[in-house]
Protein backbone atom coordinates (compact mmCIF):
# COMPACT_ATOMS: atom_id res chain seq x y z
CA MET A 1 21.03 15.56 8.79
CA GLU A 2 18.96 17.43 6.21
CA GLU A 3 15.33 18.20 6.92
CA ALA A 4 14.27 16.09 3.95
CA HIS A 5 15.59 13.01 5.71
CA ARG A 6 13.44 13.36 8.80
CA PHE A 7 9.73 12.76 8.92
CA VAL A 8 9.05 14.59 12.20
CA LYS A 9 8.94 18.18 11.05
CA LEU A 10 6.34 19.57 13.43
CA ASN A 11 7.01 20.63 17.02
CA SER A 12 5.49 22.93 19.63
CA THR A 13 6.68 25.97 17.68
CA SER A 14 4.89 24.71 14.58
CA THR A 15 1.64 23.82 16.31
CA ALA A 16 1.58 27.15 18.17
CA ARG A 17 1.02 28.92 14.84
CA ALA A 18 -2.26 27.09 14.21
CA PRO A 19 -2.94 25.01 17.34
CA PHE A 20 -6.59 24.12 16.76
CA LEU A 21 -6.14 23.11 13.12
CA ILE A 22 -2.94 21.10 13.54
CA HIS A 23 -4.08 19.41 16.75
CA SER A 24 -7.36 18.45 15.05
CA ILE A 25 -5.52 16.92 12.09
CA VAL A 26 -3.05 15.04 14.30
CA GLY A 27 -5.85 13.91 16.64
CA LEU A 28 -7.82 12.45 13.73
CA GLU A 29 -4.68 10.70 12.49
CA VAL A 30 -4.12 9.16 15.94
CA LEU A 31 -7.74 7.94 16.12
CA LEU A 32 -7.52 6.33 12.67
CA SER A 33 -4.21 4.67 13.54
CA ILE A 34 -5.49 3.23 16.81
CA ALA A 35 -8.71 2.05 15.15
CA HIS A 36 -6.79 0.26 12.41
CA CYS A 37 -4.47 -1.44 14.91
CA ALA A 38 -7.47 -2.57 16.98
CA LEU A 39 -9.43 -3.89 13.97
CA TRP A 40 -6.51 -5.67 12.28
CA PRO A 41 -6.96 -9.04 14.10
CA PHE A 42 -10.64 -9.18 13.14
CA LEU A 43 -9.82 -8.41 9.52
CA CYS A 44 -7.27 -11.21 9.39
CA ILE A 45 -9.71 -13.67 10.98
CA ALA A 46 -12.30 -12.81 8.33
CA VAL A 47 -9.75 -13.15 5.52
CA THR A 48 -8.35 -16.47 6.73
CA ARG A 49 -11.86 -17.91 6.87
CA ALA A 50 -12.48 -17.04 3.21
CA GLY A 51 -11.44 -20.54 2.21
CA VAL A 52 -12.44 -20.25 -1.45
CA MET A 53 -9.41 -18.04 -2.15
CA HIS A 54 -5.90 -19.41 -2.46
CA ARG A 55 -3.97 -19.54 0.80
CA ASN A 56 -1.20 -17.29 -0.54
CA PHE A 57 -3.64 -14.52 -1.45
CA ARG A 58 -5.18 -14.61 2.03
CA ILE A 59 -1.73 -14.42 3.61
CA GLN A 60 -0.85 -11.49 1.33
CA ILE A 61 -3.87 -9.53 2.53
CA CYS A 62 -2.97 -10.18 6.17
CA LEU A 63 0.67 -9.24 5.59
CA ALA A 64 -0.23 -6.00 3.80
CA THR A 65 -2.46 -4.93 6.67
CA TRP A 66 0.17 -6.02 9.21
CA TYR A 67 2.77 -3.80 7.53
CA THR A 68 0.28 -0.96 7.89
CA VAL A 69 -0.06 -1.68 11.61
CA ILE A 70 3.73 -1.60 12.03
CA GLY A 71 3.90 1.66 10.08
CA GLN A 72 1.16 3.23 12.16
CA ILE A 73 2.81 2.21 15.42
CA ALA A 74 6.00 3.86 14.15
CA ARG A 75 3.98 6.95 13.29
CA LEU A 76 2.45 7.06 16.79
CA VAL A 77 5.96 7.02 18.23
CA SER A 78 6.85 9.89 15.90
CA ILE A 79 3.83 11.86 17.12
CA PHE A 80 5.01 11.28 20.70
CA TYR A 81 8.36 12.81 19.75
CA GLN A 82 6.56 15.64 17.99
CA ILE A 83 4.32 16.52 20.95
CA ASN A 84 7.12 16.36 23.50
CA ASP A 85 9.75 18.16 21.39
CA LEU A 86 12.22 15.31 21.86
CA PRO A 87 15.55 15.61 20.01
CA LEU A 88 15.87 13.63 16.78
CA GLU A 89 19.59 13.54 16.16
CA ALA A 90 21.43 10.33 17.06
CA ASP A 91 18.17 8.76 18.27
CA SER A 92 18.02 5.12 17.18
CA VAL A 93 14.31 4.74 17.95
CA MET A 94 13.41 7.69 15.74
CA TYR A 95 15.74 6.42 13.02
CA ILE A 96 14.01 3.03 13.01
CA CYS A 97 10.58 4.69 12.95
CA ASP A 98 11.58 6.82 9.96
CA LEU A 99 12.93 3.75 8.17
CA ILE A 100 9.76 1.76 8.85
CA LYS A 101 7.58 4.60 7.59
CA LEU A 102 9.59 4.97 4.38
CA THR A 103 9.52 1.22 3.75
CA VAL A 104 5.78 0.87 4.36
CA ILE A 105 4.92 3.85 2.15
CA GLY A 106 7.12 2.45 -0.61
CA TYR A 107 5.58 -1.00 -0.21
CA TYR A 108 2.07 0.39 -0.59
CA CYS A 109 3.10 2.37 -3.66
CA SER A 110 4.24 -0.90 -5.26
CA LEU A 111 1.62 -3.19 -3.70
CA MET A 112 0.18 -4.08 -7.11
CA GLY A 113 3.50 -5.71 -7.94
CA SER A 114 3.19 -8.23 -5.14
CA PHE A 115 -0.27 -9.27 -6.29
CA ALA A 116 0.86 -9.28 -9.94
CA ILE A 117 3.72 -11.70 -9.23
CA GLU A 118 1.47 -14.05 -7.27
CA ARG A 119 -1.29 -14.01 -9.91
CA TYR A 120 1.22 -14.36 -12.77
CA VAL A 121 2.45 -17.62 -11.30
CA ALA A 122 -1.14 -18.72 -10.66
CA THR A 123 -1.93 -18.05 -14.33
CA HIS A 124 1.02 -19.74 -16.01
CA TYR A 125 1.79 -22.55 -13.54
CA TRP A 126 -1.76 -23.33 -12.54
CA ARG A 127 -1.39 -27.15 -12.29
CA TRP A 128 1.16 -26.82 -9.51
CA TYR A 129 -0.22 -23.67 -7.93
CA GLU A 130 -3.85 -24.64 -7.55
CA ARG A 131 -2.89 -27.70 -5.46
CA GLY A 132 -1.75 -25.30 -2.72
CA SER A 133 1.25 -27.39 -1.64
CA LEU A 134 3.79 -26.00 0.82
CA SER A 135 6.18 -25.27 -2.06
CA THR A 136 3.77 -22.62 -3.38
CA LEU A 137 4.64 -20.54 -0.31
CA LEU A 138 7.93 -19.80 -2.10
CA VAL A 139 5.91 -17.66 -4.52
CA LEU A 140 4.60 -15.61 -1.61
CA VAL A 141 8.08 -15.24 -0.11
CA GLY A 142 9.49 -14.17 -3.47
CA ALA A 143 6.70 -11.67 -4.16
CA GLU A 144 6.95 -10.02 -0.75
CA THR A 145 10.75 -9.95 -0.79
CA THR A 146 10.75 -8.38 -4.25
CA MET A 147 8.56 -5.54 -2.97
CA LEU A 148 10.06 -5.06 0.50
CA ILE A 149 13.82 -5.13 -0.12
CA PRO A 150 14.01 -2.35 -2.76
CA ASN A 151 11.82 -0.07 -0.65
CA PHE A 152 13.82 -0.85 2.49
CA VAL A 153 17.10 -0.09 0.71
CA GLU A 154 15.67 3.12 -0.76
CA GLY A 155 14.52 4.25 2.69
CA LEU A 156 17.92 3.41 4.16
CA LEU A 157 19.73 5.36 1.45
CA ASN A 158 17.46 8.32 2.00
CA LEU A 159 18.13 8.38 5.73
CA GLU A 160 21.86 8.04 5.11
CA GLY A 161 22.04 11.09 2.88
CA SER A 162 20.54 10.41 -0.55
CA SER A 163 18.06 13.11 -1.52
CA MET A 164 14.37 12.32 -1.70
CA GLN A 165 14.36 14.07 -5.07
CA GLY A 166 16.89 11.54 -6.31
CA CYS A 167 14.83 8.60 -5.03
CA PHE A 168 11.56 9.90 -6.49
CA PRO A 169 12.16 8.69 -10.10
CA HIS A 170 12.82 5.16 -8.79
CA THR A 171 9.66 5.19 -6.67
CA THR A 172 7.55 6.52 -9.55
CA THR A 173 8.95 3.97 -12.00
CA LEU A 174 8.41 1.09 -9.57
CA SER A 175 4.81 2.15 -8.91
CA TYR A 176 4.06 2.47 -12.63
CA LYS A 177 5.65 -0.85 -13.59
CA THR A 178 3.92 -2.79 -10.82
CA ALA A 179 0.52 -1.34 -11.78
CA GLU A 180 1.22 -2.15 -15.43
CA ALA A 181 2.20 -5.75 -14.56
CA PHE A 182 -0.98 -6.14 -12.52
CA LEU A 183 -3.24 -4.91 -15.33
CA ARG A 184 -1.46 -7.04 -17.94
CA THR A 185 -1.91 -10.15 -15.80
CA TYR A 186 -5.54 -9.24 -15.25
CA HIS A 187 -6.23 -8.87 -18.97
CA VAL A 188 -4.53 -12.21 -19.73
CA ASN A 189 -6.90 -13.93 -17.31
CA VAL A 190 -9.95 -12.13 -18.71
CA ARG A 191 -8.95 -13.26 -22.22
CA LEU A 192 -8.50 -16.86 -21.08
CA ARG A 193 -11.87 -16.83 -19.33
CA SER A 194 -13.52 -15.55 -22.52
CA GLU A 195 -11.84 -18.32 -24.54
CA PHE A 196 -13.00 -20.96 -22.06
CA ALA A 197 -16.55 -19.64 -22.32
CA GLN A 198 -16.53 -20.45 -26.05
CA GLY A 199 -16.28 -24.16 -25.31
CA ALA A 200 -13.80 -26.83 -24.27
CA ARG A 201 -10.85 -27.62 -26.53
CA VAL A 202 -8.61 -30.66 -26.25
CA GLY A 203 -5.27 -29.79 -24.68
CA PHE A 204 -6.41 -26.29 -23.76
CA TYR A 205 -9.34 -26.55 -21.39
CA SER A 206 -9.60 -28.32 -18.05
CA VAL A 207 -11.89 -27.86 -15.08
CA SER A 208 -8.93 -27.13 -12.79
CA ARG A 209 -7.50 -24.52 -15.14
CA SER A 210 -10.88 -22.90 -15.63
CA PHE A 211 -11.32 -22.72 -11.86
CA GLN A 212 -7.87 -21.16 -11.41
CA VAL A 213 -8.50 -18.53 -14.11
CA ASN A 214 -11.86 -17.65 -12.60
CA GLU A 215 -10.22 -17.33 -9.18
CA ASN A 216 -7.55 -15.05 -10.64
CA VAL A 217 -10.17 -12.77 -12.16
CA VAL A 218 -12.26 -12.68 -8.98
CA VAL A 219 -9.20 -11.95 -6.83
CA MET A 220 -8.23 -9.07 -9.11
CA GLU A 221 -11.72 -7.62 -9.21
CA VAL A 222 -13.34 -5.31 -6.71
CA ARG A 223 -16.47 -7.04 -5.47
CA ILE A 224 -17.36 -4.35 -2.96
CA LEU A 225 -18.12 -1.61 -5.49
CA TYR A 226 -21.16 -2.15 -7.69
CA GLU A 227 -22.97 -0.23 -10.36
CA MET A 228 -26.71 -0.75 -10.56
CA GLN A 229 -28.09 -1.20 -14.07
CA THR A 230 -31.76 -2.24 -14.15
CA THR A 231 -31.89 -5.39 -12.03
CA GLU A 232 -28.28 -6.48 -12.57
CA GLN A 233 -25.12 -5.58 -10.69
CA LYS A 234 -21.90 -5.19 -12.59
CA PRO A 235 -18.60 -5.49 -10.73
CA ARG A 236 -16.01 -2.82 -11.22
CA TYR A 237 -12.45 -4.02 -11.53
CA MET A 238 -9.24 -3.50 -9.63
CA PHE A 239 -8.35 -0.28 -11.40
CA ALA A 240 -11.66 1.10 -10.15
CA ILE A 241 -10.34 0.95 -6.61
CA MET A 242 -7.21 2.78 -7.73
CA VAL A 243 -9.22 5.69 -9.14
CA PRO A 244 -10.84 6.71 -5.80
CA HIS A 245 -7.41 6.49 -4.16
CA SER A 246 -5.76 8.67 -6.80
CA PRO A 247 -7.05 12.01 -5.41
CA VAL A 248 -5.78 11.02 -1.95
CA ILE A 249 -2.32 10.18 -3.29
CA LEU A 250 -2.17 13.33 -5.40
CA ALA A 251 -3.27 15.46 -2.44
CA ALA A 252 -0.64 13.82 -0.19
CA PHE A 253 2.05 14.40 -2.81
CA ALA A 254 0.97 18.04 -3.21
CA ALA A 255 0.97 18.58 0.56
CA PHE A 256 4.44 17.06 0.95
CA SER A 257 5.78 19.08 -1.99
CA PHE A 258 4.37 22.29 -0.55
CA LYS A 259 6.01 21.56 2.81
CA MET A 260 9.37 20.89 1.17
CA PHE A 261 9.39 23.54 -1.56
CA GLY A 262 6.74 26.11 -0.60
CA PRO A 263 7.59 29.75 0.16
CA ARG A 264 9.72 29.95 3.30
CA ASN A 265 7.69 32.80 4.73
CA TRP A 266 4.49 30.70 4.57
CA GLU A 267 5.53 28.68 7.61
CA THR A 268 2.02 28.11 9.00
CA SER A 269 0.65 26.90 5.66
CA ARG A 270 3.62 24.58 5.18
CA ASP A 271 3.20 23.08 8.65
CA VAL A 272 -0.53 22.50 8.08
CA ALA A 273 0.30 20.92 4.71
CA TYR A 274 2.67 18.47 6.36
CA ALA A 275 0.13 17.55 9.02
CA LEU A 276 -2.34 16.87 6.20
CA TYR A 277 0.27 14.75 4.41
CA ASP A 278 0.55 12.37 7.37
CA LEU A 279 -3.23 12.19 7.69
CA LEU A 280 -3.68 11.49 3.97
CA ILE A 281 -1.14 8.66 4.13
CA ILE A 282 -3.23 7.00 6.85
CA VAL A 283 -6.40 7.49 4.78
CA TYR A 284 -4.69 5.93 1.74
CA GLU A 285 -3.53 2.90 3.73
CA TYR A 286 -7.10 2.35 4.88
């Protein structure tokens, strides 16, 4: 199987070239992975107690972090293989770990799509959705399935022989379209909220609809990041959380590209780049 189809590319020979640097990077990655796995239950408890948000949104947050936990467990298994120089070929455990990692990375690249689908339904079918009946769980199932299945199939195809270069256009297009759908849905809700603020109109305004639109906007905003202006605090929006992540994603992409396509005689630099790639993926998922 080609090197591009295996995610464990470092072994004792690789680490021997720069032992302190590579072991430091891998050690930090292990610490972050263990910390995330340990903190996940507390995060979910906090999210589930945030009763003002729709049940589906709270479940989405818990699911997204749970996928990360699964991906990080798979990565820890990969590190075990890496440290012990275990063979990769015909190893079903390693195959599953590679598939999980590919699927989780793809899911996070298209995560905006899952939220966009859920908020789109909340915007246009608000009467039914805001009641929170059991049938609204179908929206959650549909949104998660739409994001998981394509990324799972893409990972499977990659492991079975399709080139990562061939899959890249699909991944890039999916990431772009999901981000675009998210921002379009966000702007629709901002426009509706502005129209509601101008006063009630018969057949257009209702308290329930106004509440749902406000919830949509709040859910799609970043309430953690604030900008101080005099005595007021202005919230930055969802794209503001994407901007700080962009350098991490670009750096991870650059590190992976250098490992795959860098000069063959720069073996140490390419190995360090790949160790950084794995670390940057963990940082991004945080």
